[in-house]
């Protein structure tokens, strides 16, 4: 099938937004797919499509070794900011949770001679970032790039597609005549349609030029959050939304309590709020020199997502 003879791919995070689209793209391209899920019932529909489903958790080293048996590559499409069962203020913080999971995945790869790993992070990852979330992802990226595996890392900006949490919030605001926005709405983003991101993930599998590199992925447009809300409203055939901007500091003060109540990893909400003033912008040109499919514009991606949701 390709230069690495990859035929079977394990998708960690298959029940999530990006993971499901990655699975769909893999199946369309003829790969065999194994889905790792903490709750196999959450991916019963993927099993019905022909995927093998295994119960596994990236924080459980033994389950990762078993899940990676007899596969050729692994996709890591997880987001540790999602609520964790049993999370408390004394739980390991989200940065360490992420690194622990990646260590278990790499150990499982080594135990099973799996040499190829593809990992999804986000735009703006760097070692000197203001917030711990972004700095933690930098450490995770460097760990993978130094692991000895053929690792490729993709950094998307705003991911546009039906089922995306951040995009879903944006669309809910675009549908309202008056909407409350956290922050001043001036933060700038590059977007990527989730279908374009899934294409990059799968197409990179047999591209040696992508091994050992992290790539920003996104469209050519750089839009503020306010602009994206207005453009989405236009795609939906609505007038411009009146925006009421809510300052972030009250939530920052309440973040520790909110994390405990919602069972989020310790420090994750505060880190998210710290990043609200940082633009999510990168340079997508390097990956486009290797994988040359033109990305959808923001309006095209919104239209595609609206069509998928039937709204």
Protein backbone atom coordinates (compact mmCIF):
# COMPACT_ATOMS: atom_id res chain seq x y z
CA UNK A 1 0.00 0.00 0.00
CA UNK A 2 2.83 2.38 0.81
CA UNK A 3 6.55 2.63 1.46
CA UNK A 4 6.23 1.54 5.10
CA UNK A 5 3.82 -1.29 4.35
CA UNK A 6 1.26 0.20 6.72
CA UNK A 7 -2.04 -1.63 6.56
CA UNK A 8 -3.47 -1.46 10.10
CA UNK A 9 -3.72 1.75 12.14
CA UNK A 10 -4.68 2.16 15.80
CA UNK A 11 -6.66 5.34 16.50
CA UNK A 12 -6.47 6.53 20.10
CA UNK A 13 -9.33 8.95 20.69
CA UNK A 14 -11.54 7.37 18.03
CA UNK A 15 -14.70 8.41 19.88
CA UNK A 16 -13.78 12.10 19.62
CA UNK A 17 -14.36 14.75 16.99
CA UNK A 18 -11.01 14.51 15.17
CA UNK A 19 -10.64 10.79 15.82
CA UNK A 20 -13.92 9.91 14.12
CA UNK A 21 -12.99 11.85 11.00
CA UNK A 22 -9.55 10.23 10.98
CA UNK A 23 -11.21 6.80 11.14
CA UNK A 24 -13.52 7.70 8.24
CA UNK A 25 -10.58 8.85 6.12
CA UNK A 26 -8.56 5.72 6.94
CA UNK A 27 -11.46 3.46 5.99
CA UNK A 28 -12.02 5.37 2.76
CA UNK A 29 -8.34 4.91 1.85
CA UNK A 30 -8.50 1.17 2.47
CA UNK A 31 -6.70 0.83 5.79
CA UNK A 32 -7.74 -1.58 8.51
CA UNK A 33 -8.61 0.37 11.64
CA UNK A 34 -8.47 -0.53 15.31
CA UNK A 35 -10.18 1.91 17.68
CA UNK A 36 -9.00 2.30 21.27
CA UNK A 37 -11.70 3.56 23.61
CA UNK A 38 -12.19 3.73 27.36
CA UNK A 39 -15.86 2.94 26.70
CA UNK A 40 -16.18 0.62 23.69
CA UNK A 41 -19.92 1.26 23.54
CA UNK A 42 -19.11 4.86 22.58
CA UNK A 43 -17.72 3.62 19.26
CA UNK A 44 -20.26 0.89 18.52
CA UNK A 45 -21.09 2.66 15.27
CA UNK A 46 -17.44 2.40 14.19
CA UNK A 47 -17.45 -1.32 14.96
CA UNK A 48 -20.50 -1.62 12.71
CA UNK A 49 -18.45 -0.02 9.93
CA UNK A 50 -15.81 -2.72 10.21
CA UNK A 51 -13.40 -1.28 12.77
CA UNK A 52 -11.93 -3.49 15.46
CA UNK A 53 -12.66 -1.98 18.88
CA UNK A 54 -10.49 -2.54 21.96
CA UNK A 55 -10.95 -1.23 25.47
CA UNK A 56 -7.90 0.84 26.36
CA UNK A 57 -6.83 3.98 28.19
CA UNK A 58 -3.63 5.85 27.38
CA UNK A 59 -2.97 6.27 31.12
CA UNK A 60 -2.95 2.45 31.51
CA UNK A 61 0.40 1.12 30.25
CA UNK A 62 -0.76 -2.48 29.98
CA UNK A 63 -3.79 -1.62 27.90
CA UNK A 64 -1.61 0.35 25.48
CA UNK A 65 0.73 -2.61 24.97
CA UNK A 66 -2.26 -4.82 24.18
CA UNK A 67 -3.94 -2.25 21.91
CA UNK A 68 -0.76 -1.77 19.86
CA UNK A 69 -0.23 -5.47 19.22
CA UNK A 70 -0.17 -6.29 15.48
CA UNK A 71 -0.68 -2.75 14.17
CA UNK A 72 1.64 -0.76 11.92
CA UNK A 73 0.97 2.83 13.01
CA UNK A 74 -0.90 4.82 15.62
CA UNK A 75 -2.84 8.09 15.56
CA UNK A 76 -3.13 10.02 18.84
CA UNK A 77 -6.22 12.25 18.66
CA UNK A 78 -6.99 12.96 22.30
CA UNK A 79 -7.67 16.05 24.36
CA UNK A 80 -6.85 15.87 28.07
CA UNK A 81 -8.95 18.95 28.84
CA UNK A 82 -12.09 16.86 28.62
CA UNK A 83 -13.64 16.02 32.02
CA UNK A 84 -11.94 13.04 33.66
CA UNK A 85 -13.91 10.61 35.79
CA UNK A 86 -12.96 10.91 39.43
CA UNK A 87 -10.86 14.02 38.90
CA UNK A 88 -10.08 16.01 42.07
CA UNK A 89 -7.87 18.89 43.05
CA UNK A 90 -5.23 16.34 44.12
CA UNK A 91 -5.24 14.61 40.71
CA UNK A 92 -2.11 14.87 38.53
CA UNK A 93 -2.27 18.06 36.50
CA UNK A 94 -3.22 17.88 32.86
CA UNK A 95 0.36 18.38 31.58
CA UNK A 96 1.62 15.33 33.45
CA UNK A 97 -1.47 13.35 32.44
CA UNK A 98 -0.66 14.04 28.81
CA UNK A 99 3.00 13.06 29.15
CA UNK A 100 2.18 9.93 31.12
CA UNK A 101 -0.16 8.81 28.37
CA UNK A 102 2.40 9.46 25.65
CA UNK A 103 5.06 7.54 27.57
CA UNK A 104 2.69 4.58 27.75
CA UNK A 105 1.94 4.81 24.02
CA UNK A 106 5.63 4.98 23.10
CA UNK A 107 6.41 2.04 25.39
CA UNK A 108 3.61 0.08 23.72
CA UNK A 109 5.01 0.96 20.29
CA UNK A 110 8.46 -0.25 21.27
CA UNK A 111 7.09 -3.46 22.75
CA UNK A 112 5.24 -4.21 19.50
CA UNK A 113 7.77 -2.81 17.00
CA UNK A 114 5.37 -0.08 15.85
CA UNK A 115 7.50 2.61 14.27
CA UNK A 116 4.99 5.20 13.05
CA UNK A 117 3.05 7.69 15.19
CA UNK A 118 0.96 10.71 14.19
CA UNK A 119 -0.07 13.17 16.90
CA UNK A 120 -2.49 16.12 16.90
CA UNK A 121 -1.80 19.22 19.03
CA UNK A 122 -2.69 22.84 18.13
CA UNK A 123 -1.32 26.05 16.68
CA UNK A 124 0.90 28.19 18.87
CA UNK A 125 2.74 25.41 20.69
CA UNK A 126 6.11 26.72 21.86
CA UNK A 127 8.38 26.45 24.93
CA UNK A 128 7.98 30.08 26.04
CA UNK A 129 4.18 30.27 25.79
CA UNK A 130 2.33 32.22 28.47
CA UNK A 131 0.10 29.37 29.58
CA UNK A 132 0.97 25.94 30.95
CA UNK A 133 -1.36 24.18 28.51
CA UNK A 134 0.70 25.30 25.52
CA UNK A 135 4.05 24.75 27.24
CA UNK A 136 2.92 21.27 28.21
CA UNK A 137 2.07 20.40 24.63
CA UNK A 138 5.55 21.60 23.61
CA UNK A 139 7.07 19.12 26.06
CA UNK A 140 4.81 16.38 24.69
CA UNK A 141 5.81 17.18 21.12
CA UNK A 142 9.53 17.16 21.94
CA UNK A 143 9.16 13.88 23.79
CA UNK A 144 7.66 12.25 20.70
CA UNK A 145 10.17 13.80 18.30
CA UNK A 146 13.00 12.47 20.50
CA UNK A 147 11.41 9.04 21.00
CA UNK A 148 13.14 7.30 18.10
CA UNK A 149 9.81 6.66 16.40
CA UNK A 150 8.88 8.10 13.01
CA UNK A 151 6.71 10.83 14.49
CA UNK A 152 4.68 13.48 12.69
CA UNK A 153 2.88 16.21 14.60
CA UNK A 154 0.05 18.34 13.24
CA UNK A 155 -0.92 21.67 14.79
CA UNK A 156 -4.39 22.79 13.69
CA UNK A 157 -5.97 26.11 14.54
CA UNK A 158 -9.75 26.44 14.84
CA UNK A 159 -11.06 23.06 13.61
CA UNK A 160 -14.26 23.60 11.63
CA UNK A 161 -16.75 20.76 11.49
CA UNK A 162 -19.98 19.40 12.92
CA UNK A 163 -19.26 17.99 16.37
CA UNK A 164 -16.30 20.22 17.24
CA UNK A 165 -16.73 21.79 20.67
CA UNK A 166 -15.06 25.12 19.98
CA UNK A 167 -16.67 25.41 16.58
CA UNK A 168 -20.03 24.41 18.03
CA UNK A 169 -19.83 27.30 20.50
CA UNK A 170 -18.97 29.68 17.67
CA UNK A 171 -21.93 28.49 15.60
CA UNK A 172 -24.33 28.80 18.51
CA UNK A 173 -23.30 32.45 18.81
CA UNK A 174 -23.59 33.00 15.06
CA UNK A 175 -27.22 31.84 15.20
CA UNK A 176 -28.22 34.38 17.83
CA UNK A 177 -29.13 38.03 17.28
CA UNK A 178 -27.23 38.84 20.51
CA UNK A 179 -24.40 36.69 21.87
CA UNK A 180 -22.10 36.85 24.91
CA UNK A 181 -18.41 36.24 24.07
CA UNK A 182 -15.66 35.55 26.57
CA UNK A 183 -12.87 38.06 26.05
CA UNK A 184 -12.76 40.91 23.55
CA UNK A 185 -13.20 38.77 20.42
CA UNK A 186 -10.02 40.19 18.85
CA UNK A 187 -7.97 37.01 19.13
CA UNK A 188 -6.98 35.89 15.62
CA UNK A 189 -7.23 32.35 14.26
CA UNK A 190 -6.36 30.30 11.26
CA UNK A 191 -8.93 27.61 10.67
CA UNK A 192 -8.89 24.16 9.12
CA UNK A 193 -11.84 22.06 8.03
CA UNK A 194 -11.86 18.78 9.97
CA UNK A 195 -11.99 16.92 6.65
CA UNK A 196 -8.78 18.67 5.56
CA UNK A 197 -7.12 17.79 8.87
CA UNK A 198 -8.12 14.13 8.48
CA UNK A 199 -6.67 14.19 4.97
CA UNK A 200 -3.32 15.44 6.31
CA UNK A 201 -3.24 12.77 9.03
CA UNK A 202 -3.82 9.89 6.66
CA UNK A 203 -1.86 11.19 3.67
CA UNK A 204 1.22 11.70 5.86
CA UNK A 205 1.42 8.02 6.81
CA UNK A 206 3.54 7.05 3.81
CA UNK A 207 5.38 10.36 3.40
CA UNK A 208 8.95 10.08 4.81
CA UNK A 209 9.35 13.84 4.35
CA UNK A 210 6.94 14.31 7.26
CA UNK A 211 8.83 12.04 9.68
CA UNK A 212 10.37 13.86 12.62
CA UNK A 213 8.58 17.15 12.02
CA UNK A 214 5.78 19.27 13.48
CA UNK A 215 3.56 21.06 10.96
CA UNK A 216 1.18 23.98 11.33
CA UNK A 217 -1.97 23.28 9.32
CA UNK A 218 -4.64 25.77 8.34
CA UNK A 219 -6.13 27.97 5.67
CA UNK A 220 -4.79 31.20 4.26
CA UNK A 221 -7.20 33.46 6.14
CA UNK A 222 -6.37 35.01 9.50
CA UNK A 223 -9.62 36.03 11.16
CA UNK A 224 -10.58 37.44 14.54
CA UNK A 225 -13.18 35.55 16.55
CA UNK A 226 -15.61 38.43 15.96
CA UNK A 227 -15.06 38.11 12.20
CA UNK A 228 -15.59 34.35 12.26
CA UNK A 229 -18.90 34.75 14.09
CA UNK A 230 -20.08 37.27 11.50
CA UNK A 231 -18.90 35.14 8.54
CA UNK A 232 -20.62 32.07 9.97
CA UNK A 233 -23.82 34.06 10.47
CA UNK A 234 -23.62 35.11 6.82
CA UNK A 235 -23.27 31.49 5.67
CA UNK A 236 -26.36 30.68 7.72
CA UNK A 237 -28.24 33.52 6.06
CA UNK A 238 -28.49 35.58 9.22
CA UNK A 239 -27.65 39.20 9.96
CA UNK A 240 -24.60 40.25 11.92
CA UNK A 241 -24.64 39.16 15.56
CA UNK A 242 -24.55 41.80 18.27
CA UNK A 243 -21.68 40.80 20.58
CA UNK A 244 -21.46 41.41 24.32
CA UNK A 245 -17.93 40.78 25.53
CA UNK A 246 -17.47 39.31 29.01
CA UNK A 247 -14.08 39.75 30.74
CA UNK A 248 -12.16 36.61 31.62
CA UNK A 249 -10.93 37.60 35.10
CA UNK A 250 -14.01 36.42 37.09
CA UNK A 251 -13.66 32.94 35.57
CA UNK A 252 -9.90 32.96 36.16
CA UNK A 253 -10.49 33.59 39.86
CA UNK A 254 -13.08 30.81 40.01
CA UNK A 255 -11.09 28.36 37.85
CA UNK A 256 -9.90 26.02 40.65
CA UNK A 257 -13.45 25.56 41.94
CA UNK A 258 -14.89 25.11 38.46
CA UNK A 259 -12.23 22.49 37.66
CA UNK A 260 -13.20 20.46 40.72
CA UNK A 261 -16.93 20.73 40.01
CA UNK A 262 -16.58 19.76 36.34
CA UNK A 263 -13.86 17.13 37.02
CA UNK A 264 -11.41 18.78 34.63
CA UNK A 265 -7.69 18.09 35.08
CA UNK A 266 -6.18 20.45 37.63
CA UNK A 267 -4.93 23.67 36.05
CA UNK A 268 -6.55 23.10 32.68
CA UNK A 269 -9.27 25.78 32.80
CA UNK A 270 -6.88 28.41 34.10
CA UNK A 271 -4.45 27.56 31.29
CA UNK A 272 -7.23 27.81 28.71
CA UNK A 273 -8.26 31.22 29.99
CA UNK A 274 -4.66 32.42 29.95
CA UNK A 275 -4.51 31.57 26.26
CA UNK A 276 -7.53 33.64 25.25
CA UNK A 277 -5.40 36.63 24.33
CA UNK A 278 -2.87 34.65 22.27
CA UNK A 279 -3.42 34.44 18.53
CA UNK A 280 -3.74 30.94 17.04
CA UNK A 281 -1.77 31.58 13.86
CA UNK A 282 0.99 29.62 12.15
CA UNK A 283 2.73 28.92 8.85
CA UNK A 284 0.97 26.18 6.82
CA UNK A 285 3.31 26.41 3.84
CA UNK A 286 5.77 23.60 4.78
CA UNK A 287 3.14 20.84 4.84
CA UNK A 288 1.53 22.15 1.65
CA UNK A 289 4.80 21.62 -0.20
CA UNK A 290 4.45 17.92 0.64
CA UNK A 291 0.67 17.42 0.65
CA UNK A 292 -0.76 19.83 -1.88
CA UNK A 293 -4.55 19.58 -1.59
CA UNK A 294 -5.93 23.16 -1.33
CA UNK A 295 -7.70 23.69 2.01
CA UNK A 296 -11.27 24.89 2.25
CA UNK A 297 -11.86 28.55 3.03
CA UNK A 298 -13.58 29.38 6.30
CA UNK A 299 -16.90 30.03 4.58
CA UNK A 300 -16.61 26.78 2.60
CA UNK A 301 -15.78 24.84 5.75
CA UNK A 302 -18.74 26.36 7.63
CA UNK A 303 -21.05 25.52 4.74
CA UNK A 304 -19.77 21.94 4.71
CA UNK A 305 -20.28 21.63 8.47
CA UNK A 306 -23.78 23.13 8.30
CA UNK A 307 -24.66 20.64 5.60
CA UNK A 308 -23.41 17.73 7.68
CA UNK A 309 -25.51 18.81 10.66
CA UNK A 310 -28.58 19.51 8.53
CA UNK A 311 -28.80 23.05 9.90
